[in-house]
Amino acid sequence: MMNSNKVANLINKRHKIDKEIEDIQKGCPHSSRSIKYVRERLDSTAMVTRYICDKCLLIIGYPTKEEIQNYLKQ
């Protein structure tokens, strides 16, 4: 019984953290971006190349093939 309470508590904390992250990302002007590798989805292990806001870490776009090639050369 104790484990189920602990799990419920952790899920509740995760929900609060997710909401706080969402609020921060909604308020961010996304004025600075970088190309980075990120997971395709939260439940995925596949990595993809995306534009990420430097301040709030939100995925904000897709680089072109040329931009990806330049990124990979670095």
PDB file of N, CA and C in Angstrom:
ATOM      1  N   MET A   1       0.818  -1.193   0.000  1.00  0.00           N
ATOM      2  CA  MET A   1       0.000   0.000   0.000  1.00  0.00           C
ATOM      3  C   MET A   1       0.864   1.260   0.000  1.00  0.00           C
ATOM      4  N   MET A   2       1.984   1.184   0.690  1.00  0.00           N
ATOM      5  CA  MET A   2       2.850   2.346   0.811  1.00  0.00           C
ATOM      6  C   MET A   2       3.448   2.736  -0.536  1.00  0.00           C
ATOM      7  N   ASN A   3       3.801   1.747  -1.348  1.00  0.00           N
ATOM      8  CA  ASN A   3       4.373   2.029  -2.653  1.00  0.00           C
ATOM      9  C   ASN A   3       3.392   2.757  -3.562  1.00  0.00           C
ATOM     10  N   SER A   4       2.117   2.398  -3.503  1.00  0.00           N
ATOM     11  CA  SER A   4       1.133   3.060  -4.351  1.00  0.00           C
ATOM     12  C   SER A   4       0.983   4.529  -3.955  1.00  0.00           C
ATOM     13  N   ASN A   5       1.068   4.832  -2.664  1.00  0.00           N
ATOM     14  CA  ASN A   5       1.025   6.228  -2.222  1.00  0.00           C
ATOM     15  C   ASN A   5       2.245   6.997  -2.707  1.00  0.00           C
ATOM     16  N   LYS A   6       3.391   6.347  -2.660  1.00  0.00           N
ATOM     17  CA  LYS A   6       4.622   6.992  -3.107  1.00  0.00           C
ATOM     18  C   LYS A   6       4.565   7.252  -4.609  1.00  0.00           C
ATOM     19  N   VAL A   7       4.082   6.271  -5.361  1.00  0.00           N
ATOM     20  CA  VAL A   7       3.951   6.429  -6.812  1.00  0.00           C
ATOM     21  C   VAL A   7       2.974   7.556  -7.128  1.00  0.00           C
ATOM     22  N   ALA A   8       1.849   7.590  -6.467  1.00  0.00           N
ATOM     23  CA  ALA A   8       0.860   8.652  -6.691  1.00  0.00           C
ATOM     24  C   ALA A   8       1.464  10.018  -6.369  1.00  0.00           C
ATOM     25  N   ASN A   9       2.239  10.098  -5.298  1.00  0.00           N
ATOM     26  CA  ASN A   9       2.890  11.342  -4.916  1.00  0.00           C
ATOM     27  C   ASN A   9       3.897  11.782  -5.982  1.00  0.00           C
ATOM     28  N   LEU A  10       4.685  10.834  -6.488  1.00  0.00           N
ATOM     29  CA  LEU A  10       5.664  11.157  -7.526  1.00  0.00           C
ATOM     30  C   LEU A  10       4.985  11.597  -8.822  1.00  0.00           C
ATOM     31  N   ILE A  11       3.901  10.940  -9.198  1.00  0.00           N
ATOM     32  CA  ILE A  11       3.155  11.332 -10.400  1.00  0.00           C
ATOM     33  C   ILE A  11       2.597  12.732 -10.236  1.00  0.00           C
ATOM     34  N   ASN A  12       2.104  13.047  -9.060  1.00  0.00           N
ATOM     35  CA  ASN A  12       1.579  14.386  -8.786  1.00  0.00           C
ATOM     36  C   ASN A  12       2.690  15.433  -8.903  1.00  0.00           C
ATOM     37  N   LYS A  13       3.868  15.130  -8.354  1.00  0.00           N
ATOM     38  CA  LYS A  13       5.000  16.052  -8.457  1.00  0.00           C
ATOM     39  C   LYS A  13       5.414  16.249  -9.912  1.00  0.00           C
ATOM     40  N   ARG A  14       5.449  15.145 -10.675  1.00  0.00           N
ATOM     41  CA  ARG A  14       5.818  15.235 -12.084  1.00  0.00           C
ATOM     42  C   ARG A  14       4.823  16.109 -12.845  1.00  0.00           C
ATOM     43  N   HIS A  15       3.545  15.964 -12.546  1.00  0.00           N
ATOM     44  CA  HIS A  15       2.522  16.779 -13.205  1.00  0.00           C
ATOM     45  C   HIS A  15       2.747  18.270 -12.903  1.00  0.00           C
ATOM     46  N   LYS A  16       3.053  18.590 -11.657  1.00  0.00           N
ATOM     47  CA  LYS A  16       3.308  19.978 -11.276  1.00  0.00           C
ATOM     48  C   LYS A  16       4.540  20.532 -11.978  1.00  0.00           C
ATOM     49  N   ILE A  17       5.587  19.720 -12.068  1.00  0.00           N
ATOM     50  CA  ILE A  17       6.817  20.137 -12.749  1.00  0.00           C
ATOM     51  C   ILE A  17       6.549  20.346 -14.237  1.00  0.00           C
ATOM     52  N   ASP A  18       5.829  19.406 -14.859  1.00  0.00           N
ATOM     53  CA  ASP A  18       5.484  19.542 -16.280  1.00  0.00           C
ATOM     54  C   ASP A  18       4.693  20.818 -16.539  1.00  0.00           C
ATOM     55  N   LYS A  19       3.765  21.138 -15.656  1.00  0.00           N
ATOM     56  CA  LYS A  19       2.955  22.354 -15.794  1.00  0.00           C
ATOM     57  C   LYS A  19       3.825  23.598 -15.661  1.00  0.00           C
ATOM     58  N   GLU A  20       4.760  23.592 -14.715  1.00  0.00           N
ATOM     59  CA  GLU A  20       5.662  24.728 -14.523  1.00  0.00           C
ATOM     60  C   GLU A  20       6.551  24.924 -15.747  1.00  0.00           C
ATOM     61  N   ILE A  21       7.071  23.827 -16.304  1.00  0.00           N
ATOM     62  CA  ILE A  21       7.887  23.908 -17.520  1.00  0.00           C
ATOM     63  C   ILE A  21       7.059  24.465 -18.668  1.00  0.00           C
ATOM     64  N   GLU A  22       5.833  23.982 -18.817  1.00  0.00           N
ATOM     65  CA  GLU A  22       4.948  24.470 -19.880  1.00  0.00           C
ATOM     66  C   GLU A  22       4.704  25.974 -19.742  1.00  0.00           C
ATOM     67  N   ASP A  23       4.459  26.452 -18.534  1.00  0.00           N
ATOM     68  CA  ASP A  23       4.226  27.881 -18.298  1.00  0.00           C
ATOM     69  C   ASP A  23       5.465  28.708 -18.646  1.00  0.00           C
ATOM     70  N   ILE A  24       6.636  28.225 -18.275  1.00  0.00           N
ATOM     71  CA  ILE A  24       7.889  28.925 -18.586  1.00  0.00           C
ATOM     72  C   ILE A  24       8.081  28.988 -20.094  1.00  0.00           C
ATOM     73  N   GLN A  25       7.847  27.869 -20.775  1.00  0.00           N
ATOM     74  CA  GLN A  25       8.045  27.826 -22.225  1.00  0.00           C
ATOM     75  C   GLN A  25       7.031  28.696 -22.965  1.00  0.00           C
ATOM     76  N   LYS A  26       5.804  28.783 -22.467  1.00  0.00           N
ATOM     77  CA  LYS A  26       4.802  29.648 -23.097  1.00  0.00           C
ATOM     78  C   LYS A  26       5.175  31.116 -22.972  1.00  0.00           C
ATOM     79  N   GLY A  27       5.823  31.491 -21.876  1.00  0.00           N
ATOM     80  CA  GLY A  27       6.194  32.877 -21.649  1.00  0.00           C
ATOM     81  C   GLY A  27       7.525  33.292 -22.254  1.00  0.00           C
ATOM     82  N   CYS A  28       8.241  32.346 -22.805  1.00  0.00           N
ATOM     83  CA  CYS A  28       9.569  32.622 -23.351  1.00  0.00           C
ATOM     84  C   CYS A  28       9.458  33.237 -24.749  1.00  0.00           C
ATOM     85  N   PRO A  29      10.266  34.253 -25.057  1.00  0.00           N
ATOM     86  CA  PRO A  29      10.218  34.858 -26.392  1.00  0.00           C
ATOM     87  C   PRO A  29      10.977  34.049 -27.452  1.00  0.00           C
ATOM     88  N   HIS A  30      11.698  33.020 -27.054  1.00  0.00           N
ATOM     89  CA  HIS A  30      12.466  32.160 -27.973  1.00  0.00           C
ATOM     90  C   HIS A  30      13.360  33.004 -28.891  1.00  0.00           C
ATOM     91  N   SER A  31      14.090  33.917 -28.299  1.00  0.00           N
ATOM     92  CA  SER A  31      14.908  34.859 -29.064  1.00  0.00           C
ATOM     93  C   SER A  31      16.254  34.288 -29.495  1.00  0.00           C
ATOM     94  N   SER A  32      16.645  33.169 -28.928  1.00  0.00           N
ATOM     95  CA  SER A  32      17.928  32.564 -29.266  1.00  0.00           C
ATOM     96  C   SER A  32      17.719  31.071 -29.451  1.00  0.00           C
ATOM     97  N   ARG A  33      18.235  30.529 -30.566  1.00  0.00           N
ATOM     98  CA  ARG A  33      18.017  29.111 -30.837  1.00  0.00           C
ATOM     99  C   ARG A  33      19.303  28.438 -31.278  1.00  0.00           C
ATOM    100  N   SER A  34      19.333  27.123 -31.106  1.00  0.00           N
ATOM    101  CA  SER A  34      20.468  26.311 -31.506  1.00  0.00           C
ATOM    102  C   SER A  34      19.954  25.004 -32.095  1.00  0.00           C
ATOM    103  N   ILE A  35      20.780  24.402 -32.939  1.00  0.00           N
ATOM    104  CA  ILE A  35      20.464  23.080 -33.454  1.00  0.00           C
ATOM    105  C   ILE A  35      21.012  22.061 -32.468  1.00  0.00           C
ATOM    106  N   LYS A  36      20.162  21.105 -32.068  1.00  0.00           N
ATOM    107  CA  LYS A  36      20.584  20.077 -31.117  1.00  0.00           C
ATOM    108  C   LYS A  36      19.901  18.759 -31.445  1.00  0.00           C
ATOM    109  N   TYR A  37      20.484  17.688 -30.929  1.00  0.00           N
ATOM    110  CA  TYR A  37      19.845  16.376 -30.994  1.00  0.00           C
ATOM    111  C   TYR A  37      18.916  16.243 -29.802  1.00  0.00           C
ATOM    112  N   VAL A  38      17.691  15.826 -30.059  1.00  0.00           N
ATOM    113  CA  VAL A  38      16.711  15.594 -28.996  1.00  0.00           C
ATOM    114  C   VAL A  38      15.971  14.294 -29.278  1.00  0.00           C
ATOM    115  N   ARG A  39      15.317  13.775 -28.264  1.00  0.00           N
ATOM    116  CA  ARG A  39      14.483  12.591 -28.477  1.00  0.00           C
ATOM    117  C   ARG A  39      13.293  12.968 -29.349  1.00  0.00           C
ATOM    118  N   GLU A  40      12.944  12.067 -30.246  1.00  0.00           N
ATOM    119  CA  GLU A  40      11.837  12.324 -31.170  1.00  0.00           C
ATOM    120  C   GLU A  40      10.519  12.541 -30.416  1.00  0.00           C
ATOM    121  N   ARG A  41      10.270  11.707 -29.424  1.00  0.00           N
ATOM    122  CA  ARG A  41       9.106  11.831 -28.543  1.00  0.00           C
ATOM    123  C   ARG A  41       9.563  11.489 -27.131  1.00  0.00           C
ATOM    124  N   LEU A  42       8.755  11.832 -26.157  1.00  0.00           N
ATOM    125  CA  LEU A  42       9.133  11.533 -24.774  1.00  0.00           C
ATOM    126  C   LEU A  42       9.293  10.041 -24.542  1.00  0.00           C
ATOM    127  N   ASP A  43       8.515   9.228 -25.240  1.00  0.00           N
ATOM    128  CA  ASP A  43       8.575   7.784 -25.034  1.00  0.00           C
ATOM    129  C   ASP A  43       9.487   7.084 -26.042  1.00  0.00           C
ATOM    130  N   SER A  44      10.311   7.848 -26.738  1.00  0.00           N
ATOM    131  CA  SER A  44      11.149   7.305 -27.796  1.00  0.00           C
ATOM    132  C   SER A  44      12.625   7.397 -27.431  1.00  0.00           C
ATOM    133  N   THR A  45      13.393   6.485 -28.007  1.00  0.00           N
ATOM    134  CA  THR A  45      14.844   6.567 -27.849  1.00  0.00           C
ATOM    135  C   THR A  45      15.490   7.100 -29.120  1.00  0.00           C
ATOM    136  N   ALA A  46      14.701   7.293 -30.178  1.00  0.00           N
ATOM    137  CA  ALA A  46      15.222   7.814 -31.444  1.00  0.00           C
ATOM    138  C   ALA A  46      15.586   9.289 -31.280  1.00  0.00           C
ATOM    139  N   MET A  47      16.774   9.653 -31.776  1.00  0.00           N
ATOM    140  CA  MET A  47      17.238  11.030 -31.689  1.00  0.00           C
ATOM    141  C   MET A  47      17.048  11.718 -33.040  1.00  0.00           C
ATOM    142  N   VAL A  48      16.609  12.986 -32.994  1.00  0.00           N
ATOM    143  CA  VAL A  48      16.390  13.781 -34.198  1.00  0.00           C
ATOM    144  C   VAL A  48      17.055  15.142 -34.022  1.00  0.00           C
ATOM    145  N   THR A  49      17.297  15.840 -35.133  1.00  0.00           N
ATOM    146  CA  THR A  49      17.920  17.160 -35.098  1.00  0.00           C
ATOM    147  C   THR A  49      16.818  18.210 -35.197  1.00  0.00           C
ATOM    148  N   ARG A  50      16.800  19.144 -34.243  1.00  0.00           N
ATOM    149  CA  ARG A  50      15.772  20.185 -34.203  1.00  0.00           C
ATOM    150  C   ARG A  50      16.377  21.500 -33.727  1.00  0.00           C
ATOM    151  N   TYR A  51      15.672  22.603 -34.019  1.00  0.00           N
ATOM    152  CA  TYR A  51      16.011  23.878 -33.401  1.00  0.00           C
ATOM    153  C   TYR A  51      15.400  23.892 -32.007  1.00  0.00           C
ATOM    154  N   ILE A  52      16.204  24.263 -31.022  1.00  0.00           N
ATOM    155  CA  ILE A  52      15.802  24.313 -29.628  1.00  0.00           C
ATOM    156  C   ILE A  52      16.044  25.722 -29.096  1.00  0.00           C
ATOM    157  N   CYS A  53      15.073  26.252 -28.355  1.00  0.00           N
ATOM    158  CA  CYS A  53      15.258  27.547 -27.703  1.00  0.00           C
ATOM    159  C   CYS A  53      16.368  27.403 -26.658  1.00  0.00           C
ATOM    160  N   ASP A  54      17.338  28.308 -26.698  1.00  0.00           N
ATOM    161  CA  ASP A  54      18.464  28.246 -25.754  1.00  0.00           C
ATOM    162  C   ASP A  54      18.038  28.545 -24.316  1.00  0.00           C
ATOM    163  N   LYS A  55      16.960  29.283 -24.151  1.00  0.00           N
ATOM    164  CA  LYS A  55      16.553  29.686 -22.803  1.00  0.00           C
ATOM    165  C   LYS A  55      15.613  28.686 -22.133  1.00  0.00           C
ATOM    166  N   CYS A  56      14.613  28.179 -22.873  1.00  0.00           N
ATOM    167  CA  CYS A  56      13.620  27.310 -22.241  1.00  0.00           C
ATOM    168  C   CYS A  56      13.652  25.864 -22.743  1.00  0.00           C
ATOM    169  N   LEU A  57      14.502  25.567 -23.716  1.00  0.00           N
ATOM    170  CA  LEU A  57      14.723  24.224 -24.249  1.00  0.00           C
ATOM    171  C   LEU A  57      13.525  23.636 -25.000  1.00  0.00           C
ATOM    172  N   LEU A  58      12.618  24.477 -25.460  1.00  0.00           N
ATOM    173  CA  LEU A  58      11.473  24.025 -26.252  1.00  0.00           C
ATOM    174  C   LEU A  58      11.900  23.787 -27.694  1.00  0.00           C
ATOM    175  N   ILE A  59      11.388  22.734 -28.312  1.00  0.00           N
ATOM    176  CA  ILE A  59      11.620  22.509 -29.740  1.00  0.00           C
ATOM    177  C   ILE A  59      10.824  23.571 -30.490  1.00  0.00           C
ATOM    178  N   ILE A  60      11.538  24.367 -31.321  1.00  0.00           N
ATOM    179  CA  ILE A  60      10.861  25.474 -31.992  1.00  0.00           C
ATOM    180  C   ILE A  60      10.965  25.430 -33.511  1.00  0.00           C
ATOM    181  N   GLY A  61      11.592  24.404 -34.060  1.00  0.00           N
ATOM    182  CA  GLY A  61      11.660  24.355 -35.504  1.00  0.00           C
ATOM    183  C   GLY A  61      12.497  23.205 -36.027  1.00  0.00           C
ATOM    184  N   TYR A  62      12.539  23.156 -37.363  1.00  0.00           N
ATOM    185  CA  TYR A  62      13.257  22.107 -38.074  1.00  0.00           C
ATOM    186  C   TYR A  62      14.340  22.740 -38.936  1.00  0.00           C
ATOM    187  N   PRO A  63      15.580  22.356 -38.730  1.00  0.00           N
ATOM    188  CA  PRO A  63      16.647  22.886 -39.596  1.00  0.00           C
ATOM    189  C   PRO A  63      16.545  22.273 -40.991  1.00  0.00           C
ATOM    190  N   THR A  64      17.051  23.007 -41.970  1.00  0.00           N
ATOM    191  CA  THR A  64      17.094  22.495 -43.334  1.00  0.00           C
ATOM    192  C   THR A  64      18.192  21.444 -43.447  1.00  0.00           C
ATOM    193  N   LYS A  65      18.202  20.718 -44.542  1.00  0.00           N
ATOM    194  CA  LYS A  65      19.265  19.721 -44.749  1.00  0.00           C
ATOM    195  C   LYS A  65      20.634  20.388 -44.753  1.00  0.00           C
ATOM    196  N   GLU A  66      20.724  21.558 -45.362  1.00  0.00           N
ATOM    197  CA  GLU A  66      21.990  22.292 -45.397  1.00  0.00           C
ATOM    198  C   GLU A  66      22.429  22.702 -43.992  1.00  0.00           C
ATOM    199  N   GLU A  67      21.499  23.177 -43.190  1.00  0.00           N
ATOM    200  CA  GLU A  67      21.820  23.575 -41.813  1.00  0.00           C
ATOM    201  C   GLU A  67      22.279  22.359 -40.993  1.00  0.00           C
ATOM    202  N   ILE A  68      21.654  21.214 -41.225  1.00  0.00           N
ATOM    203  CA  ILE A  68      22.059  19.992 -40.516  1.00  0.00           C
ATOM    204  C   ILE A  68      23.468  19.589 -40.930  1.00  0.00           C
ATOM    205  N   GLN A  69      23.765  19.663 -42.223  1.00  0.00           N
ATOM    206  CA  GLN A  69      25.106  19.322 -42.705  1.00  0.00           C
ATOM    207  C   GLN A  69      26.150  20.243 -42.073  1.00  0.00           C
ATOM    208  N   ASN A  70      25.865  21.546 -42.026  1.00  0.00           N
ATOM    209  CA  ASN A  70      26.792  22.484 -41.395  1.00  0.00           C
ATOM    210  C   ASN A  70      26.968  22.184 -39.910  1.00  0.00           C
ATOM    211  N   TYR A  71      25.883  21.826 -39.240  1.00  0.00           N
ATOM    212  CA  TYR A  71      25.930  21.474 -37.824  1.00  0.00           C
ATOM    213  C   TYR A  71      26.811  20.246 -37.616  1.00  0.00           C
ATOM    214  N   LEU A  72      26.670  19.244 -38.478  1.00  0.00           N
ATOM    215  CA  LEU A  72      27.430  18.012 -38.335  1.00  0.00           C
ATOM    216  C   LEU A  72      28.916  18.212 -38.609  1.00  0.00           C
ATOM    217  N   LYS A  73      29.277  19.216 -39.385  1.00  0.00           N
ATOM    218  CA  LYS A  73      30.677  19.497 -39.683  1.00  0.00           C
ATOM    219  C   LYS A  73      31.401  20.115 -38.496  1.00  0.00           C
ATOM    220  N   GLN A  74      30.671  20.702 -37.587  1.00  0.00           N
ATOM    221  CA  GLN A  74      31.281  21.365 -36.427  1.00  0.00           C
ATOM    222  C   GLN A  74      31.866  20.380 -35.457  1.00  0.00           C
TER     223      GLN A  74
END
